[in-house]
């Protein structure tokens, strides 16, 4: 059952300059910009994101802006992008390096990412999570023992001396081509060696007839003593989400979905984000939430998954006058 047209979404405002991080033809982000992730380091915001070049391979780049100049959409693209490249032929990340999730701890930036070899042959690498490390947020070295975990779309939170890896898990031998996948949790003492927490998703999929039978791409914000998760969901396609939803937790293990979900819809027919939504990274500055997200459009298949003529770009929306904590009185 599709979401009703009269659904009372929260009053997000799409930026008039969307997409704020567009594709740039003939560059490393010729075909896609996607998977935004924001990190505040000192007085500088770092926005990590994925680009796909003319060779069909995905890499990770970064944009920066000083905190006192922040407006959500004005960033300086790093001159030496991309900063995390694909691996050598035959490696787990030889075709796609994507889904950045940055964490600052003890003078280092730990950048977790999805690595994909691009093949689905028996014995090839499953979709896995890799790690790259930096001291300045710009120059990264891949961890020599990559990959560190089987899964995809990492989000990593450091809490009480432990690393919590929120990620997508597939039941198909770790390959995501056949889906579906679900939001799971793994925990680590050192950020390198993770153990899966339980066997069930930490955010149960919706029941038949609900909007989020399928989940994907979690992003988490901590504020007011609560962890808030924005995630993409759909009632038809396992990786072509029409809406974004919100959930909350105090311990990163037990999650409560917002009763008013979904909170954000894809764009109208013909818009740049008319197809699918993913990776809604967000931050609150004063009384406004800023949300960057991947939107897919400009194709011919609004409701039939990806189209060869479409592509993803990164957009911005803002929400003022709402505190997420107030949406969860039970917490």
C-alpha atoms as a PDB file:
ATOM      1  CA  UNK A   1       0.000   0.000   0.000  1.00  0.00           C
ATOM      2  CA  UNK A   2       1.503   3.309  -1.031  1.00  0.00           C
ATOM      3  CA  UNK A   3       1.672   6.287   1.305  1.00  0.00           C
ATOM      4  CA  UNK A   4      -1.519   8.333   1.125  1.00  0.00           C
ATOM      5  CA  UNK A   5      -1.285  11.621  -0.701  1.00  0.00           C
ATOM      6  CA  UNK A   6      -2.648  13.514   2.303  1.00  0.00           C
ATOM      7  CA  UNK A   7       0.068  12.257   4.665  1.00  0.00           C
ATOM      8  CA  UNK A   8       1.121  14.965   7.114  1.00  0.00           C
ATOM      9  CA  UNK A   9       4.880  15.131   6.500  1.00  0.00           C
ATOM     10  CA  UNK A  10       7.002  17.355   8.711  1.00  0.00           C
ATOM     11  CA  UNK A  11       7.486  20.802   7.203  1.00  0.00           C
ATOM     12  CA  UNK A  12      10.847  20.290   5.530  1.00  0.00           C
ATOM     13  CA  UNK A  13      11.830  22.931   2.987  1.00  0.00           C
ATOM     14  CA  UNK A  14      13.707  21.798  -0.081  1.00  0.00           C
ATOM     15  CA  UNK A  15      16.466  24.235  -0.933  1.00  0.00           C
ATOM     16  CA  UNK A  16      15.720  26.264  -4.083  1.00  0.00           C
ATOM     17  CA  UNK A  17      19.264  25.629  -5.321  1.00  0.00           C
ATOM     18  CA  UNK A  18      18.928  21.826  -5.233  1.00  0.00           C
ATOM     19  CA  UNK A  19      20.780  19.732  -6.012  1.00  0.00           C
ATOM     20  CA  UNK A  20      23.421  21.542  -3.955  1.00  0.00           C
ATOM     21  CA  UNK A  21      26.124  19.016  -4.910  1.00  0.00           C
ATOM     22  CA  UNK A  22      25.429  18.216  -8.563  1.00  0.00           C
ATOM     23  CA  UNK A  23      27.291  15.948 -10.931  1.00  0.00           C
ATOM     24  CA  UNK A  24      30.117  17.529 -12.933  1.00  0.00           C
ATOM     25  CA  UNK A  25      30.527  16.022 -16.364  1.00  0.00           C
ATOM     26  CA  UNK A  26      33.952  14.769 -17.356  1.00  0.00           C
ATOM     27  CA  UNK A  27      35.234  14.527 -13.755  1.00  0.00           C
ATOM     28  CA  UNK A  28      35.472  11.875 -11.022  1.00  0.00           C
ATOM     29  CA  UNK A  29      31.807  12.726 -10.267  1.00  0.00           C
ATOM     30  CA  UNK A  30      30.631  12.633 -13.850  1.00  0.00           C
ATOM     31  CA  UNK A  31      27.635  10.346 -13.330  1.00  0.00           C
ATOM     32  CA  UNK A  32      26.723  10.415  -9.618  1.00  0.00           C
ATOM     33  CA  UNK A  33      27.065  12.392  -6.410  1.00  0.00           C
ATOM     34  CA  UNK A  34      25.664  10.547  -3.414  1.00  0.00           C
ATOM     35  CA  UNK A  35      26.051   9.225   0.148  1.00  0.00           C
ATOM     36  CA  UNK A  36      26.721  12.485   2.067  1.00  0.00           C
ATOM     37  CA  UNK A  37      28.188  12.339   5.586  1.00  0.00           C
ATOM     38  CA  UNK A  38      28.960  15.403   7.723  1.00  0.00           C
ATOM     39  CA  UNK A  39      31.719  15.680  10.349  1.00  0.00           C
ATOM     40  CA  UNK A  40      32.527  18.737  12.479  1.00  0.00           C
ATOM     41  CA  UNK A  41      36.247  18.814  13.237  1.00  0.00           C
ATOM     42  CA  UNK A  42      37.342  21.841  15.246  1.00  0.00           C
ATOM     43  CA  UNK A  43      36.008  24.892  13.425  1.00  0.00           C
ATOM     44  CA  UNK A  44      35.564  23.100  10.101  1.00  0.00           C
ATOM     45  CA  UNK A  45      32.732  21.035   8.663  1.00  0.00           C
ATOM     46  CA  UNK A  46      33.836  18.151   6.438  1.00  0.00           C
ATOM     47  CA  UNK A  47      31.214  16.782   4.047  1.00  0.00           C
ATOM     48  CA  UNK A  48      32.284  13.405   2.675  1.00  0.00           C
ATOM     49  CA  UNK A  49      30.479  12.052  -0.358  1.00  0.00           C
ATOM     50  CA  UNK A  50      30.651   9.589  -3.214  1.00  0.00           C
ATOM     51  CA  UNK A  51      31.194  10.297  -6.876  1.00  0.00           C
ATOM     52  CA  UNK A  52      31.095   8.082  -9.934  1.00  0.00           C
ATOM     53  CA  UNK A  53      33.373   8.883 -12.855  1.00  0.00           C
ATOM     54  CA  UNK A  54      33.315   8.255 -16.565  1.00  0.00           C
ATOM     55  CA  UNK A  55      34.877   4.824 -15.919  1.00  0.00           C
ATOM     56  CA  UNK A  56      31.842   3.687 -13.921  1.00  0.00           C
ATOM     57  CA  UNK A  57      33.838   3.430 -10.679  1.00  0.00           C
ATOM     58  CA  UNK A  58      32.892   5.028  -7.363  1.00  0.00           C
ATOM     59  CA  UNK A  59      35.276   6.998  -5.167  1.00  0.00           C
ATOM     60  CA  UNK A  60      35.003   9.191  -2.073  1.00  0.00           C
ATOM     61  CA  UNK A  61      35.673  12.922  -1.996  1.00  0.00           C
ATOM     62  CA  UNK A  62      35.253  15.747   0.503  1.00  0.00           C
ATOM     63  CA  UNK A  63      34.065  19.333   0.742  1.00  0.00           C
ATOM     64  CA  UNK A  64      34.780  21.735   3.608  1.00  0.00           C
ATOM     65  CA  UNK A  65      33.479  24.979   5.081  1.00  0.00           C
ATOM     66  CA  UNK A  66      34.398  27.005   8.150  1.00  0.00           C
ATOM     67  CA  UNK A  67      31.845  26.789  10.947  1.00  0.00           C
ATOM     68  CA  UNK A  68      31.248  30.558  10.968  1.00  0.00           C
ATOM     69  CA  UNK A  69      30.417  30.483   7.240  1.00  0.00           C
ATOM     70  CA  UNK A  70      28.086  27.493   7.359  1.00  0.00           C
ATOM     71  CA  UNK A  71      24.820  27.811   5.454  1.00  0.00           C
ATOM     72  CA  UNK A  72      24.294  24.167   4.506  1.00  0.00           C
ATOM     73  CA  UNK A  73      25.064  24.494   0.830  1.00  0.00           C
ATOM     74  CA  UNK A  74      28.247  26.521   0.360  1.00  0.00           C
ATOM     75  CA  UNK A  75      31.274  24.229   0.528  1.00  0.00           C
ATOM     76  CA  UNK A  76      34.773  24.238  -0.944  1.00  0.00           C
ATOM     77  CA  UNK A  77      35.433  21.121  -2.991  1.00  0.00           C
ATOM     78  CA  UNK A  78      38.852  19.728  -2.066  1.00  0.00           C
ATOM     79  CA  UNK A  79      41.293  20.305  -4.930  1.00  0.00           C
ATOM     80  CA  UNK A  80      42.822  16.813  -4.719  1.00  0.00           C
ATOM     81  CA  UNK A  81      39.566  14.843  -4.755  1.00  0.00           C
ATOM     82  CA  UNK A  82      38.924  11.966  -4.690  1.00  0.00           C
ATOM     83  CA  UNK A  83      40.521  11.181  -1.330  1.00  0.00           C
ATOM     84  CA  UNK A  84      39.735   7.450  -1.113  1.00  0.00           C
ATOM     85  CA  UNK A  85      40.227   5.569  -4.364  1.00  0.00           C
ATOM     86  CA  UNK A  86      39.270   2.122  -5.582  1.00  0.00           C
ATOM     87  CA  UNK A  87      41.596  -0.755  -4.784  1.00  0.00           C
ATOM     88  CA  UNK A  88      43.748  -2.771  -7.206  1.00  0.00           C
ATOM     89  CA  UNK A  89      42.170  -5.394  -9.519  1.00  0.00           C
ATOM     90  CA  UNK A  90      40.846  -8.347  -7.569  1.00  0.00           C
ATOM     91  CA  UNK A  91      40.514  -6.480  -4.260  1.00  0.00           C
ATOM     92  CA  UNK A  92      37.269  -6.222  -2.298  1.00  0.00           C
ATOM     93  CA  UNK A  93      36.887  -2.539  -3.284  1.00  0.00           C
ATOM     94  CA  UNK A  94      38.260  -2.620  -6.832  1.00  0.00           C
ATOM     95  CA  UNK A  95      35.136  -1.151  -8.451  1.00  0.00           C
ATOM     96  CA  UNK A  96      33.113   0.782  -5.884  1.00  0.00           C
ATOM     97  CA  UNK A  97      34.296   2.760  -2.855  1.00  0.00           C
ATOM     98  CA  UNK A  98      31.215   4.433  -1.418  1.00  0.00           C
ATOM     99  CA  UNK A  99      28.974   5.083   1.615  1.00  0.00           C
ATOM    100  CA  UNK A 100      31.452   7.080   3.767  1.00  0.00           C
ATOM    101  CA  UNK A 101      30.874   7.256   7.536  1.00  0.00           C
ATOM    102  CA  UNK A 102      33.384   9.456   9.387  1.00  0.00           C
ATOM    103  CA  UNK A 103      34.226   9.368  13.094  1.00  0.00           C
ATOM    104  CA  UNK A 104      36.786  11.499  14.955  1.00  0.00           C
ATOM    105  CA  UNK A 105      38.533   9.936  17.945  1.00  0.00           C
ATOM    106  CA  UNK A 106      41.895  10.488  19.653  1.00  0.00           C
ATOM    107  CA  UNK A 107      43.349  12.686  16.927  1.00  0.00           C
ATOM    108  CA  UNK A 108      42.318  10.425  14.040  1.00  0.00           C
ATOM    109  CA  UNK A 109      39.486  10.431  11.538  1.00  0.00           C
ATOM    110  CA  UNK A 110      38.200   6.917  10.966  1.00  0.00           C
ATOM    111  CA  UNK A 111      36.372   6.743   7.642  1.00  0.00           C
ATOM    112  CA  UNK A 112      34.343   3.562   7.266  1.00  0.00           C
ATOM    113  CA  UNK A 113      33.050   2.778   3.782  1.00  0.00           C
ATOM    114  CA  UNK A 114      31.441   0.138   1.596  1.00  0.00           C
ATOM    115  CA  UNK A 115      33.774  -1.726  -0.753  1.00  0.00           C
ATOM    116  CA  UNK A 116      32.424  -3.656  -3.714  1.00  0.00           C
ATOM    117  CA  UNK A 117      34.343  -5.703  -6.251  1.00  0.00           C
ATOM    118  CA  UNK A 118      31.602  -5.499  -8.843  1.00  0.00           C
ATOM    119  CA  UNK A 119      31.344  -9.246  -9.461  1.00  0.00           C
ATOM    120  CA  UNK A 120      28.992 -11.855  -8.093  1.00  0.00           C
ATOM    121  CA  UNK A 121      30.905 -14.982  -9.014  1.00  0.00           C
ATOM    122  CA  UNK A 122      31.241 -17.807  -6.526  1.00  0.00           C
ATOM    123  CA  UNK A 123      34.338 -17.196  -4.439  1.00  0.00           C
ATOM    124  CA  UNK A 124      34.510 -13.460  -5.167  1.00  0.00           C
ATOM    125  CA  UNK A 125      34.430 -10.885  -2.429  1.00  0.00           C
ATOM    126  CA  UNK A 126      31.078 -10.259  -0.725  1.00  0.00           C
ATOM    127  CA  UNK A 127      30.049  -6.648  -0.254  1.00  0.00           C
ATOM    128  CA  UNK A 128      32.185  -5.529   2.683  1.00  0.00           C
ATOM    129  CA  UNK A 129      33.071  -2.613   4.939  1.00  0.00           C
ATOM    130  CA  UNK A 130      36.527  -1.093   4.783  1.00  0.00           C
ATOM    131  CA  UNK A 131      38.341   1.533   6.824  1.00  0.00           C
ATOM    132  CA  UNK A 132      40.579   4.461   5.876  1.00  0.00           C
ATOM    133  CA  UNK A 133      42.417   6.588   8.451  1.00  0.00           C
ATOM    134  CA  UNK A 134      43.521  10.233   8.459  1.00  0.00           C
ATOM    135  CA  UNK A 135      44.999  12.804  10.823  1.00  0.00           C
ATOM    136  CA  UNK A 136      43.656  15.850   8.968  1.00  0.00           C
ATOM    137  CA  UNK A 137      40.426  14.694   7.310  1.00  0.00           C
ATOM    138  CA  UNK A 138      41.901  15.078   3.831  1.00  0.00           C
ATOM    139  CA  UNK A 139      44.703  12.551   3.409  1.00  0.00           C
ATOM    140  CA  UNK A 140      43.645   8.962   4.047  1.00  0.00           C
ATOM    141  CA  UNK A 141      45.433   5.621   4.201  1.00  0.00           C
ATOM    142  CA  UNK A 142      43.455   2.403   3.932  1.00  0.00           C
ATOM    143  CA  UNK A 143      43.714  -0.015   6.834  1.00  0.00           C
ATOM    144  CA  UNK A 144      46.135  -2.747   5.843  1.00  0.00           C
ATOM    145  CA  UNK A 145      43.847  -5.548   7.033  1.00  0.00           C
ATOM    146  CA  UNK A 146      40.760  -4.442   5.095  1.00  0.00           C
ATOM    147  CA  UNK A 147      37.980  -5.414   4.838  1.00  0.00           C
ATOM    148  CA  UNK A 148      36.971  -5.348   8.487  1.00  0.00           C
ATOM    149  CA  UNK A 149      33.390  -6.677   8.231  1.00  0.00           C
ATOM    150  CA  UNK A 150      30.863  -8.148   5.816  1.00  0.00           C
ATOM    151  CA  UNK A 151      28.001  -5.764   5.123  1.00  0.00           C
ATOM    152  CA  UNK A 152      27.275  -2.431   3.578  1.00  0.00           C
ATOM    153  CA  UNK A 153      26.255   1.184   4.256  1.00  0.00           C
ATOM    154  CA  UNK A 154      28.065   1.712   7.584  1.00  0.00           C
ATOM    155  CA  UNK A 155      27.215   4.252  10.252  1.00  0.00           C
ATOM    156  CA  UNK A 156      29.574   4.204  13.246  1.00  0.00           C
ATOM    157  CA  UNK A 157      28.977   5.720  16.690  1.00  0.00           C
ATOM    158  CA  UNK A 158      31.460   5.777  19.589  1.00  0.00           C
ATOM    159  CA  UNK A 159      29.697   5.348  22.939  1.00  0.00           C
ATOM    160  CA  UNK A 160      31.005   4.464  26.388  1.00  0.00           C
ATOM    161  CA  UNK A 161      34.297   3.104  25.090  1.00  0.00           C
ATOM    162  CA  UNK A 162      32.766   0.954  22.347  1.00  0.00           C
ATOM    163  CA  UNK A 163      32.185   1.328  18.612  1.00  0.00           C
ATOM    164  CA  UNK A 164      28.644   0.673  17.392  1.00  0.00           C
ATOM    165  CA  UNK A 165      28.424  -0.226  13.716  1.00  0.00           C
ATOM    166  CA  UNK A 166      24.940   0.221  12.267  1.00  0.00           C
ATOM    167  CA  UNK A 167      24.937  -1.394   8.837  1.00  0.00           C
ATOM    168  CA  UNK A 168      22.932  -3.203   6.188  1.00  0.00           C
ATOM    169  CA  UNK A 169      23.015  -6.968   6.062  1.00  0.00           C
ATOM    170  CA  UNK A 170      21.844  -9.171   3.211  1.00  0.00           C
ATOM    171  CA  UNK A 171      20.746 -12.789   3.468  1.00  0.00           C
ATOM    172  CA  UNK A 172      22.210 -13.601   0.051  1.00  0.00           C
ATOM    173  CA  UNK A 173      25.791 -14.582   0.903  1.00  0.00           C
ATOM    174  CA  UNK A 174      26.635 -10.965   1.608  1.00  0.00           C
ATOM    175  CA  UNK A 175      25.728  -9.849  -1.923  1.00  0.00           C
ATOM    176  CA  UNK A 176      23.200  -7.080  -2.338  1.00  0.00           C
ATOM    177  CA  UNK A 177      22.252  -7.537  -5.949  1.00  0.00           C
ATOM    178  CA  UNK A 178      19.244  -9.681  -5.081  1.00  0.00           C
ATOM    179  CA  UNK A 179      18.241  -8.015  -1.788  1.00  0.00           C
ATOM    180  CA  UNK A 180      16.502  -7.400   0.453  1.00  0.00           C
ATOM    181  CA  UNK A 181      18.663  -6.178   3.323  1.00  0.00           C
ATOM    182  CA  UNK A 182      18.019  -5.050   6.881  1.00  0.00           C
ATOM    183  CA  UNK A 183      19.505  -2.705   9.485  1.00  0.00           C
ATOM    184  CA  UNK A 184      21.753  -4.619  11.891  1.00  0.00           C
ATOM    185  CA  UNK A 185      24.259  -3.841  14.642  1.00  0.00           C
ATOM    186  CA  UNK A 186      27.820  -4.945  15.375  1.00  0.00           C
ATOM    187  CA  UNK A 187      29.979  -3.816  18.318  1.00  0.00           C
ATOM    188  CA  UNK A 188      33.748  -3.405  18.704  1.00  0.00           C
ATOM    189  CA  UNK A 189      36.189  -2.567  21.473  1.00  0.00           C
ATOM    190  CA  UNK A 190      38.797  -1.080  19.130  1.00  0.00           C
ATOM    191  CA  UNK A 191      37.009   0.022  15.932  1.00  0.00           C
ATOM    192  CA  UNK A 192      38.694  -2.659  13.832  1.00  0.00           C
ATOM    193  CA  UNK A 193      37.266  -5.978  15.028  1.00  0.00           C
ATOM    194  CA  UNK A 194      33.470  -6.133  15.166  1.00  0.00           C
ATOM    195  CA  UNK A 195      31.092  -8.801  16.409  1.00  0.00           C
ATOM    196  CA  UNK A 196      27.496  -8.960  15.315  1.00  0.00           C
ATOM    197  CA  UNK A 197      24.960  -8.137  18.009  1.00  0.00           C
ATOM    198  CA  UNK A 198      22.269 -10.794  17.797  1.00  0.00           C
ATOM    199  CA  UNK A 199      20.852 -12.162  14.578  1.00  0.00           C
ATOM    200  CA  UNK A 200      17.761  -9.983  14.108  1.00  0.00           C
ATOM    201  CA  UNK A 201      17.540  -6.441  12.703  1.00  0.00           C
ATOM    202  CA  UNK A 202      17.668  -3.735  15.360  1.00  0.00           C
ATOM    203  CA  UNK A 203      15.012  -1.816  13.422  1.00  0.00           C
ATOM    204  CA  UNK A 204      12.291  -4.302  12.461  1.00  0.00           C
ATOM    205  CA  UNK A 205      10.868  -3.857   8.955  1.00  0.00           C
ATOM    206  CA  UNK A 206       7.310  -2.665   8.601  1.00  0.00           C
ATOM    207  CA  UNK A 207       4.455  -5.118   8.377  1.00  0.00           C
ATOM    208  CA  UNK A 208       2.562  -5.873   5.186  1.00  0.00           C
ATOM    209  CA  UNK A 209       0.750  -2.758   4.025  1.00  0.00           C
ATOM    210  CA  UNK A 210       3.062  -0.348   5.839  1.00  0.00           C
ATOM    211  CA  UNK A 211       5.375   2.161   4.139  1.00  0.00           C
ATOM    212  CA  UNK A 212       8.690   0.661   5.306  1.00  0.00           C
ATOM    213  CA  UNK A 213       8.603  -3.039   4.541  1.00  0.00           C
ATOM    214  CA  UNK A 214      12.134  -2.488   3.249  1.00  0.00           C
ATOM    215  CA  UNK A 215      14.788  -0.389   5.032  1.00  0.00           C
ATOM    216  CA  UNK A 216      18.062   1.043   3.844  1.00  0.00           C
ATOM    217  CA  UNK A 217      20.856   3.596   4.536  1.00  0.00           C
ATOM    218  CA  UNK A 218      20.666   4.566   8.237  1.00  0.00           C
ATOM    219  CA  UNK A 219      22.214   7.824   9.473  1.00  0.00           C
ATOM    220  CA  UNK A 220      22.358   8.800  13.168  1.00  0.00           C
ATOM    221  CA  UNK A 221      22.471  12.072  15.123  1.00  0.00           C
ATOM    222  CA  UNK A 222      23.003  12.291  18.888  1.00  0.00           C
ATOM    223  CA  UNK A 223      21.378  15.150  20.762  1.00  0.00           C
ATOM    224  CA  UNK A 224      19.446  15.747  23.980  1.00  0.00           C
ATOM    225  CA  UNK A 225      20.580  12.367  25.323  1.00  0.00           C
ATOM    226  CA  UNK A 226      18.923  10.452  22.476  1.00  0.00           C
ATOM    227  CA  UNK A 227      20.160   8.868  19.244  1.00  0.00           C
ATOM    228  CA  UNK A 228      18.003   9.712  16.247  1.00  0.00           C
ATOM    229  CA  UNK A 229      18.084   7.620  13.091  1.00  0.00           C
ATOM    230  CA  UNK A 230      16.945   8.770   9.686  1.00  0.00           C
ATOM    231  CA  UNK A 231      16.469   5.862   7.326  1.00  0.00           C
ATOM    232  CA  UNK A 232      15.052   5.256   3.863  1.00  0.00           C
ATOM    233  CA  UNK A 233      12.120   2.918   3.362  1.00  0.00           C
ATOM    234  CA  UNK A 234       9.706   1.594   0.797  1.00  0.00           C
ATOM    235  CA  UNK A 235       6.722  -0.722   0.472  1.00  0.00           C
ATOM    236  CA  UNK A 236       7.657  -2.140  -2.929  1.00  0.00           C
ATOM    237  CA  UNK A 237      11.365  -1.953  -3.758  1.00  0.00           C
ATOM    238  CA  UNK A 238      14.151  -3.027  -1.425  1.00  0.00           C
ATOM    239  CA  UNK A 239      16.562  -0.398  -2.751  1.00  0.00           C
ATOM    240  CA  UNK A 240      14.464   2.348  -4.324  1.00  0.00           C
ATOM    241  CA  UNK A 241      12.980   4.216  -1.393  1.00  0.00           C
ATOM    242  CA  UNK A 242      10.135   6.675  -1.802  1.00  0.00           C
ATOM    243  CA  UNK A 243      10.284   8.064   1.740  1.00  0.00           C
ATOM    244  CA  UNK A 244      12.477   8.774   4.745  1.00  0.00           C
ATOM    245  CA  UNK A 245      11.543   7.848   8.284  1.00  0.00           C
ATOM    246  CA  UNK A 246      12.716   8.655  11.809  1.00  0.00           C
ATOM    247  CA  UNK A 247      13.485   6.413  14.787  1.00  0.00           C
ATOM    248  CA  UNK A 248      14.986   7.050  18.238  1.00  0.00           C
ATOM    249  CA  UNK A 249      17.003   5.145  20.817  1.00  0.00           C
ATOM    250  CA  UNK A 250      18.814   5.716  24.112  1.00  0.00           C
ATOM    251  CA  UNK A 251      21.238   2.804  23.746  1.00  0.00           C
ATOM    252  CA  UNK A 252      21.646   2.216  19.967  1.00  0.00           C
ATOM    253  CA  UNK A 253      20.115  -1.232  20.443  1.00  0.00           C
ATOM    254  CA  UNK A 254      16.420  -0.699  21.115  1.00  0.00           C
ATOM    255  CA  UNK A 255      14.722   1.615  18.638  1.00  0.00           C
ATOM    256  CA  UNK A 256      11.321   3.302  18.539  1.00  0.00           C
ATOM    257  CA  UNK A 257       9.868   4.425  15.224  1.00  0.00           C
ATOM    258  CA  UNK A 258       8.231   7.840  15.072  1.00  0.00           C
ATOM    259  CA  UNK A 259       4.460   7.416  15.073  1.00  0.00           C
ATOM    260  CA  UNK A 260       4.098  10.042  12.339  1.00  0.00           C
ATOM    261  CA  UNK A 261       6.412   8.319   9.855  1.00  0.00           C
ATOM    262  CA  UNK A 262       7.336   8.814   7.096  1.00  0.00           C
ATOM    263  CA  UNK A 263       8.709  12.324   7.577  1.00  0.00           C
ATOM    264  CA  UNK A 264      10.025  13.158   4.104  1.00  0.00           C
ATOM    265  CA  UNK A 265       8.874  12.179   0.582  1.00  0.00           C
ATOM    266  CA  UNK A 266      10.723  11.967  -2.708  1.00  0.00           C
ATOM    267  CA  UNK A 267      10.245  14.823  -5.160  1.00  0.00           C
ATOM    268  CA  UNK A 268       7.315  15.342  -7.457  1.00  0.00           C
ATOM    269  CA  UNK A 269       7.240  13.749 -10.879  1.00  0.00           C
ATOM    270  CA  UNK A 270       9.808  15.386 -13.119  1.00  0.00           C
ATOM    271  CA  UNK A 271      11.900  16.719 -10.216  1.00  0.00           C
ATOM    272  CA  UNK A 272      15.593  15.960  -9.804  1.00  0.00           C
ATOM    273  CA  UNK A 273      14.743  13.632  -6.883  1.00  0.00           C
ATOM    274  CA  UNK A 274      11.563  12.109  -8.278  1.00  0.00           C
ATOM    275  CA  UNK A 275      12.762   8.500  -8.078  1.00  0.00           C
ATOM    276  CA  UNK A 276      14.425   7.307  -4.880  1.00  0.00           C
ATOM    277  CA  UNK A 277      15.898   8.675  -1.647  1.00  0.00           C
ATOM    278  CA  UNK A 278      18.883   7.485   0.406  1.00  0.00           C
ATOM    279  CA  UNK A 279      21.494   8.642   2.923  1.00  0.00           C
ATOM    280  CA  UNK A 280      19.833  11.437   4.837  1.00  0.00           C
ATOM    281  CA  UNK A 281      22.671  12.761   6.978  1.00  0.00           C
ATOM    282  CA  UNK A 282      21.606  15.578   9.282  1.00  0.00           C
ATOM    283  CA  UNK A 283      22.673  18.088  11.924  1.00  0.00           C
ATOM    284  CA  UNK A 284      20.939  20.715  14.047  1.00  0.00           C
ATOM    285  CA  UNK A 285      22.379  24.239  14.031  1.00  0.00           C
ATOM    286  CA  UNK A 286      20.574  26.527  16.487  1.00  0.00           C
ATOM    287  CA  UNK A 287      16.870  25.881  15.837  1.00  0.00           C
ATOM    288  CA  UNK A 288      17.209  24.370  12.361  1.00  0.00           C
ATOM    289  CA  UNK A 289      17.854  20.821  11.168  1.00  0.00           C
ATOM    290  CA  UNK A 290      19.912  20.598   7.970  1.00  0.00           C
ATOM    291  CA  UNK A 291      19.496  17.381   6.034  1.00  0.00           C
ATOM    292  CA  UNK A 292      21.584  16.365   3.035  1.00  0.00           C
ATOM    293  CA  UNK A 293      20.329  13.402   1.060  1.00  0.00           C
ATOM    294  CA  UNK A 294      20.847  11.457  -2.113  1.00  0.00           C
ATOM    295  CA  UNK A 295      18.026  11.862  -4.618  1.00  0.00           C
ATOM    296  CA  UNK A 296      17.621   9.953  -7.859  1.00  0.00           C
ATOM    297  CA  UNK A 297      15.846  11.318 -10.911  1.00  0.00           C
ATOM    298  CA  UNK A 298      15.899  12.456 -14.518  1.00  0.00           C
ATOM    299  CA  UNK A 299      15.109   8.958 -15.748  1.00  0.00           C
ATOM    300  CA  UNK A 300      11.986   7.400 -17.202  1.00  0.00           C
ATOM    301  CA  UNK A 301      11.013   4.998 -14.424  1.00  0.00           C
ATOM    302  CA  UNK A 302       9.534   6.797 -11.444  1.00  0.00           C
ATOM    303  CA  UNK A 303       8.118   3.626  -9.903  1.00  0.00           C
ATOM    304  CA  UNK A 304      10.133   0.840 -11.521  1.00  0.00           C
ATOM    305  CA  UNK A 305      13.505   1.085  -9.790  1.00  0.00           C
ATOM    306  CA  UNK A 306      16.613   2.441 -11.502  1.00  0.00           C
ATOM    307  CA  UNK A 307      16.700   3.695 -15.072  1.00  0.00           C
ATOM    308  CA  UNK A 308      19.840   3.813 -17.185  1.00  0.00           C
ATOM    309  CA  UNK A 309      19.195   7.436 -18.038  1.00  0.00           C
ATOM    310  CA  UNK A 310      18.788   8.593 -14.429  1.00  0.00           C
ATOM    311  CA  UNK A 311      21.393   9.546 -11.849  1.00  0.00           C
ATOM    312  CA  UNK A 312      21.780  10.553  -8.217  1.00  0.00           C
ATOM    313  CA  UNK A 313      22.752  13.950  -6.807  1.00  0.00           C
ATOM    314  CA  UNK A 314      22.864  15.478  -3.328  1.00  0.00           C
ATOM    315  CA  UNK A 315      20.181  17.850  -2.147  1.00  0.00           C
ATOM    316  CA  UNK A 316      19.492  19.877   1.001  1.00  0.00           C
ATOM    317  CA  UNK A 317      16.355  20.381   3.053  1.00  0.00           C
ATOM    318  CA  UNK A 318      15.834  22.294   6.298  1.00  0.00           C
ATOM    319  CA  UNK A 319      13.386  21.976   9.172  1.00  0.00           C
ATOM    320  CA  UNK A 320      12.868  24.793  11.663  1.00  0.00           C
ATOM    321  CA  UNK A 321      10.857  24.979  14.860  1.00  0.00           C
ATOM    322  CA  UNK A 322      10.818  21.240  15.561  1.00  0.00           C
ATOM    323  CA  UNK A 323      12.842  19.339  18.144  1.00  0.00           C
ATOM    324  CA  UNK A 324      13.098  15.621  17.387  1.00  0.00           C
ATOM    325  CA  UNK A 325      13.060  14.798  21.096  1.00  0.00           C
ATOM    326  CA  UNK A 326       9.563  16.246  21.333  1.00  0.00           C
ATOM    327  CA  UNK A 327       8.379  13.714  18.749  1.00  0.00           C
ATOM    328  CA  UNK A 328       9.129  10.864  21.167  1.00  0.00           C
ATOM    329  CA  UNK A 329       7.350  11.620  24.459  1.00  0.00           C
ATOM    330  CA  UNK A 330       7.744   7.978  25.495  1.00  0.00           C
ATOM    331  CA  UNK A 331      11.514   8.482  25.707  1.00  0.00           C
END
